[in-house]
Amino acid sequence: MSYIATATNKHFYYLDVRIEDIDIQDIASGLANECRFNGQIDNFYSVAQHSVYVSYLVAPEYALEALLHDASEAYIKDLPRPLKAILTEYQMIEHNIDLAIRKKFGLPETMSDAVHFADLMMLATEKRDLEIDVGSNWLMLEGIPSSDFVVNPLTPPQAKALFLRRFNELYKGTENG
């Protein structure tokens, strides 16, 4: 079986990604139930909540892209960076899903520099507030300031509602998903 059944009862095929199978409700559910940092933190903190914060750290023209920058993880989940780097097939599948999501929602094919920087700002903020790897310096965060946000983790249902509310503020399409 090369598909998963989604929260909206669609079949999402990893080797045949179809735009019509991408649904904002599935994205919101998947991201709200996915814990950042591979779950290696004291309190559950979702990718959905992270994504909402990133969407507020960019100029308005980048906000939807920022909100959806990790949307592929709703379908494939994320892997720790060192593991992902050695799994080239995973990277290819992730890339194809990301491209389909970007096409569906009218986003640029590759991540904007503004979104990448905001994502790193949130990483710095999360490292600070969630006390991750205290006392160590992460090279990728050199010169990256943390944001003014204070991360207080939400429950998955709260994060899903927050994510969908932000999506509805930003998405100007005729259908939301």
Protein backbone atom coordinates (compact mmCIF):
# COMPACT_ATOMS: atom_id res chain seq x y z
CA MET A 1 0.00 0.00 0.00
CA SER A 2 1.63 3.26 -1.07
CA TYR A 3 -0.93 5.68 0.35
CA ILE A 4 -2.22 6.96 3.65
CA ALA A 5 -5.83 7.67 4.53
CA THR A 6 -6.12 11.30 5.59
CA ALA A 7 -8.34 12.99 8.18
CA THR A 8 -10.75 13.96 5.38
CA ASN A 9 -10.89 10.36 4.11
CA LYS A 10 -8.77 10.95 1.03
CA HIS A 11 -6.10 8.54 -0.13
CA PHE A 12 -2.78 10.32 -0.38
CA TYR A 13 -0.35 8.41 -2.63
CA TYR A 14 3.34 9.01 -1.99
CA LEU A 15 4.46 7.93 -5.44
CA ASP A 16 1.62 9.69 -7.28
CA VAL A 17 1.07 13.02 -5.56
CA ARG A 18 -2.13 14.63 -6.86
CA ILE A 19 -3.04 18.22 -6.16
CA GLU A 20 -6.69 17.28 -5.68
CA ASP A 21 -5.70 15.07 -2.73
CA ILE A 22 -4.15 18.00 -0.86
CA ASP A 23 -6.58 19.49 1.63
CA ILE A 24 -6.02 22.29 4.13
CA GLN A 25 -7.99 20.34 6.77
CA ASP A 26 -5.56 17.42 6.40
CA ILE A 27 -2.61 19.78 6.57
CA ALA A 28 -3.98 21.42 9.72
CA SER A 29 -4.70 18.04 11.35
CA GLY A 30 -1.32 16.59 10.48
CA LEU A 31 0.69 19.60 11.60
CA ALA A 32 -1.32 20.09 14.79
CA ASN A 33 -0.58 16.50 15.79
CA GLU A 34 3.11 16.60 14.89
CA CYS A 35 5.49 17.55 17.68
CA ARG A 36 8.47 19.72 16.87
CA PHE A 37 11.99 18.50 17.67
CA ASN A 38 11.10 14.87 17.08
CA GLY A 39 9.18 14.97 20.36
CA GLN A 40 12.42 15.36 22.33
CA ILE A 41 11.02 18.20 24.47
CA ASP A 42 9.20 18.31 27.81
CA ASN A 43 5.86 19.61 26.48
CA PHE A 44 4.12 18.88 23.20
CA TYR A 45 4.63 21.78 20.79
CA SER A 46 3.16 21.39 17.33
CA VAL A 47 4.43 22.21 13.88
CA ALA A 48 1.08 23.97 13.29
CA GLN A 49 1.75 26.44 16.10
CA HIS A 50 5.31 26.95 14.86
CA SER A 51 4.01 27.63 11.35
CA VAL A 52 1.53 30.25 12.56
CA TYR A 53 4.32 32.07 14.39
CA VAL A 54 6.54 32.00 11.30
CA SER A 55 3.68 33.51 9.28
CA TYR A 56 3.67 36.57 11.56
CA LEU A 57 7.43 37.14 11.26
CA VAL A 58 7.37 37.94 7.53
CA ALA A 59 5.94 40.73 5.42
CA PRO A 60 2.29 40.15 4.46
CA GLU A 61 3.17 39.01 0.93
CA TYR A 62 5.11 36.05 2.40
CA ALA A 63 2.67 35.14 5.17
CA LEU A 64 0.79 32.33 3.38
CA GLU A 65 4.03 30.78 2.19
CA ALA A 66 5.38 31.00 5.74
CA LEU A 67 2.26 29.38 7.16
CA LEU A 68 2.58 26.49 4.70
CA HIS A 69 6.37 26.17 4.69
CA ASP A 70 6.24 22.84 6.56
CA ALA A 71 2.92 21.64 5.09
CA SER A 72 4.50 18.57 3.46
CA GLU A 73 5.13 17.26 6.98
CA ALA A 74 1.37 16.78 7.37
CA TYR A 75 1.67 13.91 4.90
CA ILE A 76 5.16 12.51 5.51
CA LYS A 77 6.13 13.78 8.96
CA ASP A 78 9.49 15.34 9.54
CA LEU A 79 12.73 13.60 10.26
CA PRO A 80 15.65 14.88 12.28
CA ARG A 81 17.96 16.85 9.97
CA PRO A 82 20.94 14.44 10.24
CA LEU A 83 18.74 11.45 9.34
CA LYS A 84 16.94 13.27 6.51
CA ALA A 85 20.29 14.17 4.95
CA ILE A 86 21.12 10.51 4.30
CA LEU A 87 17.69 9.46 3.03
CA THR A 88 17.67 10.69 -0.56
CA GLU A 89 14.45 8.90 -1.52
CA TYR A 90 12.65 10.57 1.38
CA GLN A 91 13.99 13.94 0.24
CA MET A 92 12.64 13.34 -3.27
CA ILE A 93 9.17 12.41 -2.00
CA GLU A 94 9.15 15.39 0.37
CA HIS A 95 10.16 17.69 -2.51
CA ASN A 96 7.35 16.39 -4.75
CA ILE A 97 4.76 16.89 -2.02
CA ASP A 98 6.07 20.37 -1.29
CA LEU A 99 5.87 21.29 -4.98
CA ALA A 100 2.26 20.08 -5.20
CA ILE A 101 1.26 22.07 -2.11
CA ARG A 102 3.00 25.17 -3.46
CA LYS A 103 1.21 24.79 -6.79
CA LYS A 104 -2.19 24.25 -5.16
CA PHE A 105 -1.93 27.39 -3.06
CA GLY A 106 -0.18 29.59 -5.62
CA LEU A 107 3.17 29.79 -3.83
CA PRO A 108 6.64 30.10 -5.35
CA GLU A 109 8.32 26.79 -6.26
CA THR A 110 11.12 27.28 -3.75
CA MET A 111 11.17 28.74 -0.27
CA SER A 112 11.66 32.49 -0.17
CA ASP A 113 14.67 33.85 1.71
CA ALA A 114 12.30 35.83 3.94
CA VAL A 115 10.47 32.65 4.98
CA HIS A 116 13.72 30.76 5.55
CA PHE A 117 15.02 33.56 7.80
CA ALA A 118 11.74 33.71 9.76
CA ASP A 119 11.85 29.92 10.20
CA LEU A 120 15.34 30.25 11.69
CA MET A 121 14.16 33.09 13.95
CA MET A 122 11.44 30.82 15.30
CA LEU A 123 13.97 28.03 15.76
CA ALA A 124 16.09 30.40 17.85
CA THR A 125 13.00 31.43 19.82
CA GLU A 126 11.95 27.82 20.39
CA LYS A 127 15.47 26.85 21.47
CA ARG A 128 15.32 29.68 24.02
CA ASP A 129 11.77 29.21 25.32
CA LEU A 130 11.58 25.43 25.26
CA GLU A 131 15.10 25.15 26.68
CA ILE A 132 16.38 22.88 23.94
CA ASP A 133 20.02 21.78 24.05
CA VAL A 134 20.79 24.40 26.69
CA GLY A 135 24.34 25.68 26.70
CA SER A 136 25.14 24.65 23.16
CA ASN A 137 25.48 26.88 20.12
CA TRP A 138 23.86 25.80 16.88
CA LEU A 139 25.87 26.98 13.88
CA MET A 140 22.75 27.50 11.78
CA LEU A 141 21.56 30.08 14.31
CA GLU A 142 24.72 32.20 14.37
CA GLY A 143 23.65 35.80 13.82
CA ILE A 144 19.94 34.88 13.90
CA PRO A 145 17.93 36.82 16.48
CA SER A 146 15.07 35.24 18.37
CA SER A 147 11.61 36.75 17.94
CA ASP A 148 9.52 38.63 20.47
CA PHE A 149 7.14 35.69 20.68
CA VAL A 150 7.06 33.67 23.87
CA VAL A 151 6.36 30.06 23.04
CA ASN A 152 3.60 28.62 25.21
CA PRO A 153 2.66 25.28 23.67
CA LEU A 154 -0.98 24.72 22.74
CA THR A 155 -2.87 21.44 22.63
CA PRO A 156 -3.32 19.88 19.18
CA PRO A 157 -6.98 21.01 18.87
CA GLN A 158 -6.00 24.57 19.86
CA ALA A 159 -3.10 24.58 17.39
CA LYS A 160 -5.31 23.24 14.59
CA ALA A 161 -7.91 25.97 15.19
CA LEU A 162 -5.20 28.64 15.29
CA PHE A 163 -3.67 27.33 12.06
CA LEU A 164 -7.00 27.24 10.21
CA ARG A 165 -7.94 30.71 11.47
CA ARG A 166 -4.64 32.08 10.15
CA PHE A 167 -5.05 30.23 6.85
CA ASN A 168 -8.53 31.71 6.38
CA GLU A 169 -7.14 35.21 7.04
CA LEU A 170 -4.47 34.74 4.39
CA TYR A 171 -5.90 32.57 1.64
CA LYS A 172 -7.76 34.50 -1.00
CA GLY A 173 -8.85 31.57 -3.17
CA THR A 174 -12.45 30.71 -3.97
CA GLU A 175 -12.21 27.48 -1.96
CA ASN A 176 -10.26 26.86 1.20
CA GLY A 177 -8.66 23.59 0.34
